[in-house]
Amino acid sequence: EWRFHLDIMKARPDVGGIVHTHSTYSTVL
């Protein structure tokens, strides 16, 4: 998933950290 991490970093200079998970309830929705 490097691509969306990198694209977010490039587009959003305010972003210093990104967390991507398959957490249960977020994924259910």
mmCIF file of all heavy atoms, coordinates in Angstrom:
data_MODEL
# 
_entry.id   MODEL 
# 
loop_
_atom_site.group_PDB 
_atom_site.id 
_atom_site.type_symbol 
_atom_site.label_atom_id 
_atom_site.label_alt_id 
_atom_site.label_comp_id 
_atom_site.label_asym_id 
_atom_site.label_entity_id 
_atom_site.label_seq_id 
_atom_site.pdbx_PDB_ins_code 
_atom_site.Cartn_x 
_atom_site.Cartn_y 
_atom_site.Cartn_z 
_atom_site.occupancy 
_atom_site.B_iso_or_equiv 
_atom_site.pdbx_formal_charge 
_atom_site.auth_seq_id 
_atom_site.auth_comp_id 
_atom_site.auth_asym_id 
_atom_site.auth_atom_id 
_atom_site.pdbx_PDB_model_num 
ATOM 1   N N   . GLU A 1 1  ? 0.821   -1.221 0.000  1.00 0.00 ? 1  GLU A N   1 
ATOM 2   C CA  . GLU A 1 1  ? 0.000   0.000  0.000  1.00 0.00 ? 1  GLU A CA  1 
ATOM 3   C C   . GLU A 1 1  ? 0.851   1.266  0.000  1.00 0.00 ? 1  GLU A C   1 
ATOM 4   O O   . GLU A 1 1  ? 0.368   2.352  0.320  1.00 0.00 ? 1  GLU A O   1 
ATOM 5   C CB  . GLU A 1 1  ? -0.929  0.008  1.221  1.00 0.00 ? 1  GLU A CB  1 
ATOM 6   C CG  . GLU A 1 1  ? -1.871  -1.167 1.308  1.00 0.00 ? 1  GLU A CG  1 
ATOM 7   C CD  . GLU A 1 1  ? -2.936  -1.185 0.214  1.00 0.00 ? 1  GLU A CD  1 
ATOM 8   O OE1 . GLU A 1 1  ? -2.805  -0.430 -0.778 1.00 0.00 ? 1  GLU A OE1 1 
ATOM 9   O OE2 . GLU A 1 1  ? -3.905  -1.947 0.355  1.00 0.00 ? 1  GLU A OE2 1 
ATOM 10  N N   . TRP A 1 2  ? 2.128   1.151  -0.386 1.00 0.00 ? 2  TRP A N   1 
ATOM 11  C CA  . TRP A 1 2  ? 3.011   2.321  -0.371 1.00 0.00 ? 2  TRP A CA  1 
ATOM 12  C C   . TRP A 1 2  ? 2.449   3.475  -1.179 1.00 0.00 ? 2  TRP A C   1 
ATOM 13  O O   . TRP A 1 2  ? 2.675   4.647  -0.866 1.00 0.00 ? 2  TRP A O   1 
ATOM 14  C CB  . TRP A 1 2  ? 4.407   1.953  -0.901 1.00 0.00 ? 2  TRP A CB  1 
ATOM 15  C CG  . TRP A 1 2  ? 4.445   1.561  -2.357 1.00 0.00 ? 2  TRP A CG  1 
ATOM 16  C CD1 . TRP A 1 2  ? 4.412   0.297  -2.858 1.00 0.00 ? 2  TRP A CD1 1 
ATOM 17  C CD2 . TRP A 1 2  ? 4.505   2.430  -3.500 1.00 0.00 ? 2  TRP A CD2 1 
ATOM 18  N NE1 . TRP A 1 2  ? 4.452   0.314  -4.235 1.00 0.00 ? 2  TRP A NE1 1 
ATOM 19  C CE2 . TRP A 1 2  ? 4.515   1.612  -4.660 1.00 0.00 ? 2  TRP A CE2 1 
ATOM 20  C CE3 . TRP A 1 2  ? 4.571   3.814  -3.658 1.00 0.00 ? 2  TRP A CE3 1 
ATOM 21  C CZ2 . TRP A 1 2  ? 4.567   2.138  -5.945 1.00 0.00 ? 2  TRP A CZ2 1 
ATOM 22  C CZ3 . TRP A 1 2  ? 4.618   4.342  -4.948 1.00 0.00 ? 2  TRP A CZ3 1 
ATOM 23  C CH2 . TRP A 1 2  ? 4.619   3.514  -6.072 1.00 0.00 ? 2  TRP A CH2 1 
ATOM 24  N N   . ARG A 1 3  ? 1.674   3.152  -2.221 1.00 0.00 ? 3  ARG A N   1 
ATOM 25  C CA  . ARG A 1 3  ? 1.224   4.193  -3.143 1.00 0.00 ? 3  ARG A CA  1 
ATOM 26  C C   . ARG A 1 3  ? 0.317   5.216  -2.451 1.00 0.00 ? 3  ARG A C   1 
ATOM 27  O O   . ARG A 1 3  ? 0.526   6.419  -2.576 1.00 0.00 ? 3  ARG A O   1 
ATOM 28  C CB  . ARG A 1 3  ? 0.509   3.571  -4.348 1.00 0.00 ? 3  ARG A CB  1 
ATOM 29  C CG  . ARG A 1 3  ? 0.286   4.548  -5.484 1.00 0.00 ? 3  ARG A CG  1 
ATOM 30  C CD  . ARG A 1 3  ? -0.461  3.863  -6.618 1.00 0.00 ? 3  ARG A CD  1 
ATOM 31  N NE  . ARG A 1 3  ? 0.297   2.779  -7.209 1.00 0.00 ? 3  ARG A NE  1 
ATOM 32  C CZ  . ARG A 1 3  ? 1.177   2.927  -8.194 1.00 0.00 ? 3  ARG A CZ  1 
ATOM 33  N NH1 . ARG A 1 3  ? 1.409   4.133  -8.693 1.00 0.00 ? 3  ARG A NH1 1 
ATOM 34  N NH2 . ARG A 1 3  ? 1.821   1.898  -8.692 1.00 0.00 ? 3  ARG A NH2 1 
ATOM 35  N N   . PHE A 1 4  ? -0.699  4.755  -1.701 1.00 0.00 ? 4  PHE A N   1 
ATOM 36  C CA  . PHE A 1 4  ? -1.553  5.767  -1.076 1.00 0.00 ? 4  PHE A CA  1 
ATOM 37  C C   . PHE A 1 4  ? -0.834  6.462  0.085  1.00 0.00 ? 4  PHE A C   1 
ATOM 38  O O   . PHE A 1 4  ? -1.073  7.632  0.344  1.00 0.00 ? 4  PHE A O   1 
ATOM 39  C CB  . PHE A 1 4  ? -2.942  5.243  -0.701 1.00 0.00 ? 4  PHE A CB  1 
ATOM 40  C CG  . PHE A 1 4  ? -3.078  4.258  0.428  1.00 0.00 ? 4  PHE A CG  1 
ATOM 41  C CD1 . PHE A 1 4  ? -2.717  4.577  1.728  1.00 0.00 ? 4  PHE A CD1 1 
ATOM 42  C CD2 . PHE A 1 4  ? -3.658  3.019  0.197  1.00 0.00 ? 4  PHE A CD2 1 
ATOM 43  C CE1 . PHE A 1 4  ? -2.900  3.681  2.764  1.00 0.00 ? 4  PHE A CE1 1 
ATOM 44  C CE2 . PHE A 1 4  ? -3.850  2.113  1.235  1.00 0.00 ? 4  PHE A CE2 1 
ATOM 45  C CZ  . PHE A 1 4  ? -3.451  2.445  2.527  1.00 0.00 ? 4  PHE A CZ  1 
ATOM 46  N N   . HIS A 1 5  ? 0.070   5.745  0.762  1.00 0.00 ? 5  HIS A N   1 
ATOM 47  C CA  . HIS A 1 5  ? 0.872   6.424  1.790  1.00 0.00 ? 5  HIS A CA  1 
ATOM 48  C C   . HIS A 1 5  ? 1.674   7.571  1.165  1.00 0.00 ? 5  HIS A C   1 
ATOM 49  O O   . HIS A 1 5  ? 1.671   8.699  1.666  1.00 0.00 ? 5  HIS A O   1 
ATOM 50  C CB  . HIS A 1 5  ? 1.824   5.431  2.450  1.00 0.00 ? 5  HIS A CB  1 
ATOM 51  C CG  . HIS A 1 5  ? 1.196   4.510  3.443  1.00 0.00 ? 5  HIS A CG  1 
ATOM 52  N ND1 . HIS A 1 5  ? 1.155   4.773  4.791  1.00 0.00 ? 5  HIS A ND1 1 
ATOM 53  C CD2 . HIS A 1 5  ? 0.582   3.307  3.276  1.00 0.00 ? 5  HIS A CD2 1 
ATOM 54  C CE1 . HIS A 1 5  ? 0.548   3.781  5.424  1.00 0.00 ? 5  HIS A CE1 1 
ATOM 55  N NE2 . HIS A 1 5  ? 0.193   2.873  4.519  1.00 0.00 ? 5  HIS A NE2 1 
ATOM 56  N N   . LEU A 1 6  ? 2.352   7.257  0.073  1.00 0.00 ? 6  LEU A N   1 
ATOM 57  C CA  . LEU A 1 6  ? 3.205   8.249  -0.576 1.00 0.00 ? 6  LEU A CA  1 
ATOM 58  C C   . LEU A 1 6  ? 2.388   9.390  -1.172 1.00 0.00 ? 6  LEU A C   1 
ATOM 59  O O   . LEU A 1 6  ? 2.739   10.575 -1.027 1.00 0.00 ? 6  LEU A O   1 
ATOM 60  C CB  . LEU A 1 6  ? 4.047   7.580  -1.662 1.00 0.00 ? 6  LEU A CB  1 
ATOM 61  C CG  . LEU A 1 6  ? 5.099   8.459  -2.349 1.00 0.00 ? 6  LEU A CG  1 
ATOM 62  C CD1 . LEU A 1 6  ? 6.112   8.991  -1.347 1.00 0.00 ? 6  LEU A CD1 1 
ATOM 63  C CD2 . LEU A 1 6  ? 5.811   7.677  -3.456 1.00 0.00 ? 6  LEU A CD2 1 
ATOM 64  N N   . ASP A 1 7  ? 1.292   9.066  -1.816 1.00 0.00 ? 7  ASP A N   1 
ATOM 65  C CA  . ASP A 1 7  ? 0.465   10.100 -2.436 1.00 0.00 ? 7  ASP A CA  1 
ATOM 66  C C   . ASP A 1 7  ? -0.152  11.025 -1.396 1.00 0.00 ? 7  ASP A C   1 
ATOM 67  O O   . ASP A 1 7  ? -0.284  12.232 -1.630 1.00 0.00 ? 7  ASP A O   1 
ATOM 68  C CB  . ASP A 1 7  ? -0.621  9.467  -3.305 1.00 0.00 ? 7  ASP A CB  1 
ATOM 69  C CG  . ASP A 1 7  ? -0.065  8.837  -4.576 1.00 0.00 ? 7  ASP A CG  1 
ATOM 70  O OD1 . ASP A 1 7  ? 1.113   9.093  -4.898 1.00 0.00 ? 7  ASP A OD1 1 
ATOM 71  O OD2 . ASP A 1 7  ? -0.803  8.091  -5.249 1.00 0.00 ? 7  ASP A OD2 1 
ATOM 72  N N   . ILE A 1 8  ? -0.530  10.471 -0.247 1.00 0.00 ? 8  ILE A N   1 
ATOM 73  C CA  . ILE A 1 8  ? -1.039  11.330 0.827  1.00 0.00 ? 8  ILE A CA  1 
ATOM 74  C C   . ILE A 1 8  ? 0.058   12.245 1.337  1.00 0.00 ? 8  ILE A C   1 
ATOM 75  O O   . ILE A 1 8  ? -0.153  13.449 1.532  1.00 0.00 ? 8  ILE A O   1 
ATOM 76  C CB  . ILE A 1 8  ? -1.619  10.470 1.978  1.00 0.00 ? 8  ILE A CB  1 
ATOM 77  C CG1 . ILE A 1 8  ? -2.890  9.740  1.523  1.00 0.00 ? 8  ILE A CG1 1 
ATOM 78  C CG2 . ILE A 1 8  ? -1.932  11.344 3.201  1.00 0.00 ? 8  ILE A CG2 1 
ATOM 79  C CD1 . ILE A 1 8  ? -3.365  8.675  2.498  1.00 0.00 ? 8  ILE A CD1 1 
ATOM 80  N N   . MET A 1 9  ? 1.250   11.702 1.541  1.00 0.00 ? 9  MET A N   1 
ATOM 81  C CA  . MET A 1 9  ? 2.379   12.528 1.999  1.00 0.00 ? 9  MET A CA  1 
ATOM 82  C C   . MET A 1 9  ? 2.687   13.645 1.000  1.00 0.00 ? 9  MET A C   1 
ATOM 83  O O   . MET A 1 9  ? 2.972   14.780 1.395  1.00 0.00 ? 9  MET A O   1 
ATOM 84  C CB  . MET A 1 9  ? 3.621   11.659 2.185  1.00 0.00 ? 9  MET A CB  1 
ATOM 85  C CG  . MET A 1 9  ? 3.543   10.676 3.331  1.00 0.00 ? 9  MET A CG  1 
ATOM 86  S SD  . MET A 1 9  ? 4.046   11.406 4.888  1.00 0.00 ? 9  MET A SD  1 
ATOM 87  C CE  . MET A 1 9  ? 3.998   9.974  5.965  1.00 0.00 ? 9  MET A CE  1 
ATOM 88  N N   . LYS A 1 10 ? 2.622   13.326 -0.285 1.00 0.00 ? 10 LYS A N   1 
ATOM 89  C CA  . LYS A 1 10 ? 2.921   14.316 -1.311 1.00 0.00 ? 10 LYS A CA  1 
ATOM 90  C C   . LYS A 1 10 ? 1.849   15.408 -1.357 1.00 0.00 ? 10 LYS A C   1 
ATOM 91  O O   . LYS A 1 10 ? 2.146   16.589 -1.512 1.00 0.00 ? 10 LYS A O   1 
ATOM 92  C CB  . LYS A 1 10 ? 3.037   13.645 -2.687 1.00 0.00 ? 10 LYS A CB  1 
ATOM 93  C CG  . LYS A 1 10 ? 4.300   12.813 -2.870 1.00 0.00 ? 10 LYS A CG  1 
ATOM 94  C CD  . LYS A 1 10 ? 4.251   11.986 -4.143 1.00 0.00 ? 10 LYS A CD  1 
ATOM 95  C CE  . LYS A 1 10 ? 4.387   12.824 -5.397 1.00 0.00 ? 10 LYS A CE  1 
ATOM 96  N NZ  . LYS A 1 10 ? 5.727   13.410 -5.554 1.00 0.00 ? 10 LYS A NZ  1 
ATOM 97  N N   . ALA A 1 11 ? 0.585   15.008 -1.233 1.00 0.00 ? 11 ALA A N   1 
ATOM 98  C CA  . ALA A 1 11 ? -0.525  15.950 -1.367 1.00 0.00 ? 11 ALA A CA  1 
ATOM 99  C C   . ALA A 1 11 ? -0.805  16.728 -0.097 1.00 0.00 ? 11 ALA A C   1 
ATOM 100 O O   . ALA A 1 11 ? -1.368  17.826 -0.148 1.00 0.00 ? 11 ALA A O   1 
ATOM 101 C CB  . ALA A 1 11 ? -1.788  15.205 -1.796 1.00 0.00 ? 11 ALA A CB  1 
ATOM 102 N N   . ARG A 1 12 ? -0.401  16.171 1.052  1.00 0.00 ? 12 ARG A N   1 
ATOM 103 C CA  . ARG A 1 12 ? -0.759  16.757 2.339  1.00 0.00 ? 12 ARG A CA  1 
ATOM 104 C C   . ARG A 1 12 ? 0.503   16.998 3.178  1.00 0.00 ? 12 ARG A C   1 
ATOM 105 O O   . ARG A 1 12 ? 0.891   16.157 3.994  1.00 0.00 ? 12 ARG A O   1 
ATOM 106 C CB  . ARG A 1 12 ? -1.721  15.822 3.081  1.00 0.00 ? 12 ARG A CB  1 
ATOM 107 C CG  . ARG A 1 12 ? -3.064  15.577 2.388  1.00 0.00 ? 12 ARG A CG  1 
ATOM 108 C CD  . ARG A 1 12 ? -4.054  16.673 2.696  1.00 0.00 ? 12 ARG A CD  1 
ATOM 109 N NE  . ARG A 1 12 ? -4.392  16.671 4.110  1.00 0.00 ? 12 ARG A NE  1 
ATOM 110 C CZ  . ARG A 1 12 ? -5.393  15.950 4.648  1.00 0.00 ? 12 ARG A CZ  1 
ATOM 111 N NH1 . ARG A 1 12 ? -6.162  15.194 3.873  1.00 0.00 ? 12 ARG A NH1 1 
ATOM 112 N NH2 . ARG A 1 12 ? -5.633  16.007 5.934  1.00 0.00 ? 12 ARG A NH2 1 
ATOM 113 N N   . PRO A 1 13 ? 1.156   18.144 3.013  1.00 0.00 ? 13 PRO A N   1 
ATOM 114 C CA  . PRO A 1 13 ? 2.361   18.405 3.785  1.00 0.00 ? 13 PRO A CA  1 
ATOM 115 C C   . PRO A 1 13 ? 2.119   18.466 5.285  1.00 0.00 ? 13 PRO A C   1 
ATOM 116 O O   . PRO A 1 13 ? 3.058   18.388 6.087  1.00 0.00 ? 13 PRO A O   1 
ATOM 117 C CB  . PRO A 1 13 ? 2.845   19.763 3.266  1.00 0.00 ? 13 PRO A CB  1 
ATOM 118 C CG  . PRO A 1 13 ? 1.900   20.213 2.233  1.00 0.00 ? 13 PRO A CG  1 
ATOM 119 C CD  . PRO A 1 13 ? 0.855   19.177 2.026  1.00 0.00 ? 13 PRO A CD  1 
ATOM 120 N N   . ASP A 1 14 ? 0.854   18.594 5.697  1.00 0.00 ? 14 ASP A N   1 
ATOM 121 C CA  . ASP A 1 14 ? 0.510   18.617 7.119  1.00 0.00 ? 14 ASP A CA  1 
ATOM 122 C C   . ASP A 1 14 ? 0.565   17.229 7.740  1.00 0.00 ? 14 ASP A C   1 
ATOM 123 O O   . ASP A 1 14 ? 0.562   17.087 8.963  1.00 0.00 ? 14 ASP A O   1 
ATOM 124 C CB  . ASP A 1 14 ? -0.904  19.186 7.310  1.00 0.00 ? 14 ASP A CB  1 
ATOM 125 C CG  . ASP A 1 14 ? -1.973  18.408 6.541  1.00 0.00 ? 14 ASP A CG  1 
ATOM 126 O OD1 . ASP A 1 14 ? -1.819  18.256 5.308  1.00 0.00 ? 14 ASP A OD1 1 
ATOM 127 O OD2 . ASP A 1 14 ? -2.954  17.958 7.159  1.00 0.00 ? 14 ASP A OD2 1 
ATOM 128 N N   . VAL A 1 15 ? 0.607   16.192 6.911  1.00 0.00 ? 15 VAL A N   1 
ATOM 129 C CA  . VAL A 1 15 ? 0.582   14.809 7.404  1.00 0.00 ? 15 VAL A CA  1 
ATOM 130 C C   . VAL A 1 15 ? 2.006   14.320 7.663  1.00 0.00 ? 15 VAL A C   1 
ATOM 131 O O   . VAL A 1 15 ? 2.847   14.323 6.772  1.00 0.00 ? 15 VAL A O   1 
ATOM 132 C CB  . VAL A 1 15 ? -0.128  13.876 6.402  1.00 0.00 ? 15 VAL A CB  1 
ATOM 133 C CG1 . VAL A 1 15 ? 0.050   12.412 6.797  1.00 0.00 ? 15 VAL A CG1 1 
ATOM 134 C CG2 . VAL A 1 15 ? -1.611  14.225 6.319  1.00 0.00 ? 15 VAL A CG2 1 
ATOM 135 N N   . GLY A 1 16 ? 2.238   13.888 8.904  1.00 0.00 ? 16 GLY A N   1 
ATOM 136 C CA  . GLY A 1 16 ? 3.545   13.347 9.271  1.00 0.00 ? 16 GLY A CA  1 
ATOM 137 C C   . GLY A 1 16 ? 3.520   11.864 9.565  1.00 0.00 ? 16 GLY A C   1 
ATOM 138 O O   . GLY A 1 16 ? 4.569   11.226 9.654  1.00 0.00 ? 16 GLY A O   1 
ATOM 139 N N   . GLY A 1 17 ? 2.301   11.313 9.723  1.00 0.00 ? 17 GLY A N   1 
ATOM 140 C CA  . GLY A 1 17 ? 2.173   9.891  10.001 1.00 0.00 ? 17 GLY A CA  1 
ATOM 141 C C   . GLY A 1 17 ? 0.866   9.356  9.446  1.00 0.00 ? 17 GLY A C   1 
ATOM 142 O O   . GLY A 1 17 ? -0.140  10.069 9.417  1.00 0.00 ? 17 GLY A O   1 
ATOM 143 N N   . ILE A 1 18 ? 0.889   8.105  8.997  1.00 0.00 ? 18 ILE A N   1 
ATOM 144 C CA  . ILE A 1 18 ? -0.299  7.458  8.424  1.00 0.00 ? 18 ILE A CA  1 
ATOM 145 C C   . ILE A 1 18 ? -0.408  6.050  8.992  1.00 0.00 ? 18 ILE A C   1 
ATOM 146 O O   . ILE A 1 18 ? 0.579   5.306  9.022  1.00 0.00 ? 18 ILE A O   1 
ATOM 147 C CB  . ILE A 1 18 ? -0.226  7.395  6.888  1.00 0.00 ? 18 ILE A CB  1 
ATOM 148 C CG1 . ILE A 1 18 ? -0.133  8.803  6.290  1.00 0.00 ? 18 ILE A CG1 1 
ATOM 149 C CG2 . ILE A 1 18 ? -1.433  6.651  6.311  1.00 0.00 ? 18 ILE A CG2 1 
ATOM 150 C CD1 . ILE A 1 18 ? 0.201   8.833  4.809  1.00 0.00 ? 18 ILE A CD1 1 
ATOM 151 N N   . VAL A 1 19 ? -1.617  5.700  9.430  1.00 0.00 ? 19 VAL A N   1 
ATOM 152 C CA  . VAL A 1 19 ? -1.889  4.357  9.951  1.00 0.00 ? 19 VAL A CA  1 
ATOM 153 C C   . VAL A 1 19 ? -3.011  3.752  9.114  1.00 0.00 ? 19 VAL A C   1 
ATOM 154 O O   . VAL A 1 19 ? -4.079  4.348  8.965  1.00 0.00 ? 19 VAL A O   1 
ATOM 155 C CB  . VAL A 1 19 ? -2.303  4.414  11.433 1.00 0.00 ? 19 VAL A CB  1 
ATOM 156 C CG1 . VAL A 1 19 ? -2.728  3.028  11.923 1.00 0.00 ? 19 VAL A CG1 1 
ATOM 157 C CG2 . VAL A 1 19 ? -1.166  4.960  12.285 1.00 0.00 ? 19 VAL A CG2 1 
ATOM 158 N N   . HIS A 1 20 ? -2.762  2.579  8.569  1.00 0.00 ? 20 HIS A N   1 
ATOM 159 C CA  . HIS A 1 20 ? -3.782  1.832  7.821  1.00 0.00 ? 20 HIS A CA  1 
ATOM 160 C C   . HIS A 1 20 ? -3.994  0.506  8.521  1.00 0.00 ? 20 HIS A C   1 
ATOM 161 O O   . HIS A 1 20 ? -3.031  -0.232 8.785  1.00 0.00 ? 20 HIS A O   1 
ATOM 162 C CB  . HIS A 1 20 ? -3.329  1.595  6.387  1.00 0.00 ? 20 HIS A CB  1 
ATOM 163 C CG  . HIS A 1 20 ? -4.155  0.579  5.654  1.00 0.00 ? 20 HIS A CG  1 
ATOM 164 N ND1 . HIS A 1 20 ? -5.520  0.677  5.507  1.00 0.00 ? 20 HIS A ND1 1 
ATOM 165 C CD2 . HIS A 1 20 ? -3.804  -0.587 5.037  1.00 0.00 ? 20 HIS A CD2 1 
ATOM 166 C CE1 . HIS A 1 20 ? -5.978  -0.358 4.825  1.00 0.00 ? 20 HIS A CE1 1 
ATOM 167 N NE2 . HIS A 1 20 ? -4.953  -1.147 4.534  1.00 0.00 ? 20 HIS A NE2 1 
ATOM 168 N N   . THR A 1 21 ? -5.258  0.208  8.880  1.00 0.00 ? 21 THR A N   1 
ATOM 169 C CA  . THR A 1 21 ? -5.560  -1.064 9.526  1.00 0.00 ? 21 THR A CA  1 
ATOM 170 C C   . THR A 1 21 ? -6.805  -1.684 8.913  1.00 0.00 ? 21 THR A C   1 
ATOM 171 O O   . THR A 1 21 ? -7.556  -1.026 8.194  1.00 0.00 ? 21 THR A O   1 
ATOM 172 C CB  . THR A 1 21 ? -5.808  -0.908 11.044 1.00 0.00 ? 21 THR A CB  1 
ATOM 173 O OG1 . THR A 1 21 ? -7.143  -0.439 11.267 1.00 0.00 ? 21 THR A OG1 1 
ATOM 174 C CG2 . THR A 1 21 ? -4.821  0.054  11.687 1.00 0.00 ? 21 THR A CG2 1 
ATOM 175 N N   . HIS A 1 22 ? -7.005  -2.954 9.255  1.00 0.00 ? 22 HIS A N   1 
ATOM 176 C CA  . HIS A 1 22 ? -8.234  -3.661 8.925  1.00 0.00 ? 22 HIS A CA  1 
ATOM 177 C C   . HIS A 1 22 ? -9.029  -3.879 10.211 1.00 0.00 ? 22 HIS A C   1 
ATOM 178 O O   . HIS A 1 22 ? -9.560  -4.961 10.456 1.00 0.00 ? 22 HIS A O   1 
ATOM 179 C CB  . HIS A 1 22 ? -7.931  -4.997 8.241  1.00 0.00 ? 22 HIS A CB  1 
ATOM 180 C CG  . HIS A 1 22 ? -7.292  -4.857 6.900  1.00 0.00 ? 22 HIS A CG  1 
ATOM 181 N ND1 . HIS A 1 22 ? -6.980  -5.949 6.108  1.00 0.00 ? 22 HIS A ND1 1 
ATOM 182 C CD2 . HIS A 1 22 ? -6.891  -3.774 6.190  1.00 0.00 ? 22 HIS A CD2 1 
ATOM 183 C CE1 . HIS A 1 22 ? -6.409  -5.536 4.976  1.00 0.00 ? 22 HIS A CE1 1 
ATOM 184 N NE2 . HIS A 1 22 ? -6.345  -4.217 5.010  1.00 0.00 ? 22 HIS A NE2 1 
ATOM 185 N N   . SER A 1 23 ? -9.087  -2.859 11.050 1.00 0.00 ? 23 SER A N   1 
ATOM 186 C CA  . SER A 1 23 ? -9.785  -2.955 12.330 1.00 0.00 ? 23 SER A CA  1 
ATOM 187 C C   . SER A 1 23 ? -11.241 -3.351 12.105 1.00 0.00 ? 23 SER A C   1 
ATOM 188 O O   . SER A 1 23 ? -11.882 -2.936 11.140 1.00 0.00 ? 23 SER A O   1 
ATOM 189 C CB  . SER A 1 23 ? -9.691  -1.637 13.087 1.00 0.00 ? 23 SER A CB  1 
ATOM 190 O OG  . SER A 1 23 ? -10.117 -0.563 12.288 1.00 0.00 ? 23 SER A OG  1 
ATOM 191 N N   . THR A 1 24 ? -11.781 -4.143 13.016 1.00 0.00 ? 24 THR A N   1 
ATOM 192 C CA  . THR A 1 24 ? -13.031 -4.868 12.771 1.00 0.00 ? 24 THR A CA  1 
ATOM 193 C C   . THR A 1 24 ? -14.222 -3.975 12.437 1.00 0.00 ? 24 THR A C   1 
ATOM 194 O O   . THR A 1 24 ? -14.869 -4.148 11.395 1.00 0.00 ? 24 THR A O   1 
ATOM 195 C CB  . THR A 1 24 ? -13.369 -5.765 13.969 1.00 0.00 ? 24 THR A CB  1 
ATOM 196 O OG1 . THR A 1 24 ? -12.308 -6.705 14.150 1.00 0.00 ? 24 THR A OG1 1 
ATOM 197 C CG2 . THR A 1 24 ? -14.680 -6.522 13.726 1.00 0.00 ? 24 THR A CG2 1 
ATOM 198 N N   . TYR A 1 25 ? -14.546 -3.025 13.304 1.00 0.00 ? 25 TYR A N   1 
ATOM 199 C CA  . TYR A 1 25 ? -15.779 -2.265 13.105 1.00 0.00 ? 25 TYR A CA  1 
ATOM 200 C C   . TYR A 1 25 ? -15.651 -1.264 11.961 1.00 0.00 ? 25 TYR A C   1 
ATOM 201 O O   . TYR A 1 25 ? -16.607 -1.055 11.203 1.00 0.00 ? 25 TYR A O   1 
ATOM 202 C CB  . TYR A 1 25 ? -16.210 -1.587 14.406 1.00 0.00 ? 25 TYR A CB  1 
ATOM 203 C CG  . TYR A 1 25 ? -16.777 -2.580 15.390 1.00 0.00 ? 25 TYR A CG  1 
ATOM 204 C CD1 . TYR A 1 25 ? -15.948 -3.206 16.322 1.00 0.00 ? 25 TYR A CD1 1 
ATOM 205 C CD2 . TYR A 1 25 ? -18.120 -2.928 15.357 1.00 0.00 ? 25 TYR A CD2 1 
ATOM 206 C CE1 . TYR A 1 25 ? -16.459 -4.145 17.207 1.00 0.00 ? 25 TYR A CE1 1 
ATOM 207 C CE2 . TYR A 1 25 ? -18.642 -3.875 16.246 1.00 0.00 ? 25 TYR A CE2 1 
ATOM 208 C CZ  . TYR A 1 25 ? -17.801 -4.473 17.167 1.00 0.00 ? 25 TYR A CZ  1 
ATOM 209 O OH  . TYR A 1 25 ? -18.314 -5.409 18.035 1.00 0.00 ? 25 TYR A OH  1 
ATOM 210 N N   . SER A 1 26 ? -14.486 -0.656 11.812 1.00 0.00 ? 26 SER A N   1 
ATOM 211 C CA  . SER A 1 26 ? -14.272 0.225  10.661 1.00 0.00 ? 26 SER A CA  1 
ATOM 212 C C   . SER A 1 26 ? -14.412 -0.563 9.362  1.00 0.00 ? 26 SER A C   1 
ATOM 213 O O   . SER A 1 26 ? -15.004 -0.089 8.385  1.00 0.00 ? 26 SER A O   1 
ATOM 214 C CB  . SER A 1 26 ? -12.886 0.871  10.734 1.00 0.00 ? 26 SER A CB  1 
ATOM 215 O OG  . SER A 1 26 ? -12.786 1.743  11.827 1.00 0.00 ? 26 SER A OG  1 
ATOM 216 N N   . THR A 1 27 ? -13.892 -1.784 9.362  1.00 0.00 ? 27 THR A N   1 
ATOM 217 C CA  . THR A 1 27 ? -13.954 -2.604 8.154  1.00 0.00 ? 27 THR A CA  1 
ATOM 218 C C   . THR A 1 27 ? -15.366 -3.113 7.896  1.00 0.00 ? 27 THR A C   1 
ATOM 219 O O   . THR A 1 27 ? -15.794 -3.211 6.735  1.00 0.00 ? 27 THR A O   1 
ATOM 220 C CB  . THR A 1 27 ? -12.951 -3.774 8.251  1.00 0.00 ? 27 THR A CB  1 
ATOM 221 O OG1 . THR A 1 27 ? -11.637 -3.239 8.468  1.00 0.00 ? 27 THR A OG1 1 
ATOM 222 C CG2 . THR A 1 27 ? -12.940 -4.597 6.983  1.00 0.00 ? 27 THR A CG2 1 
ATOM 223 N N   . VAL A 1 28 ? -16.109 -3.427 8.959  1.00 0.00 ? 28 VAL A N   1 
ATOM 224 C CA  . VAL A 1 28 ? -17.512 -3.826 8.785  1.00 0.00 ? 28 VAL A CA  1 
ATOM 225 C C   . VAL A 1 28 ? -18.282 -2.722 8.062  1.00 0.00 ? 28 VAL A C   1 
ATOM 226 O O   . VAL A 1 28 ? -19.023 -2.974 7.101  1.00 0.00 ? 28 VAL A O   1 
ATOM 227 C CB  . VAL A 1 28 ? -18.165 -4.136 10.145 1.00 0.00 ? 28 VAL A CB  1 
ATOM 228 C CG1 . VAL A 1 28 ? -19.685 -4.185 10.026 1.00 0.00 ? 28 VAL A CG1 1 
ATOM 229 C CG2 . VAL A 1 28 ? -17.652 -5.463 10.696 1.00 0.00 ? 28 VAL A CG2 1 
ATOM 230 N N   . LEU A 1 29 ? -18.118 -1.480 8.520  1.00 0.00 ? 29 LEU A N   1 
ATOM 231 C CA  . LEU A 1 29 ? -18.817 -0.365 7.877  1.00 0.00 ? 29 LEU A CA  1 
ATOM 232 C C   . LEU A 1 29 ? -18.301 -0.159 6.455  1.00 0.00 ? 29 LEU A C   1 
ATOM 233 O O   . LEU A 1 29 ? -19.077 0.169  5.541  1.00 0.00 ? 29 LEU A O   1 
ATOM 234 C CB  . LEU A 1 29 ? -18.645 0.909  8.698  1.00 0.00 ? 29 LEU A CB  1 
ATOM 235 C CG  . LEU A 1 29 ? -19.283 0.885  10.088 1.00 0.00 ? 29 LEU A CG  1 
ATOM 236 C CD1 . LEU A 1 29 ? -18.996 2.194  10.830 1.00 0.00 ? 29 LEU A CD1 1 
ATOM 237 C CD2 . LEU A 1 29 ? -20.788 0.648  10.009 1.00 0.00 ? 29 LEU A CD2 1 
# 
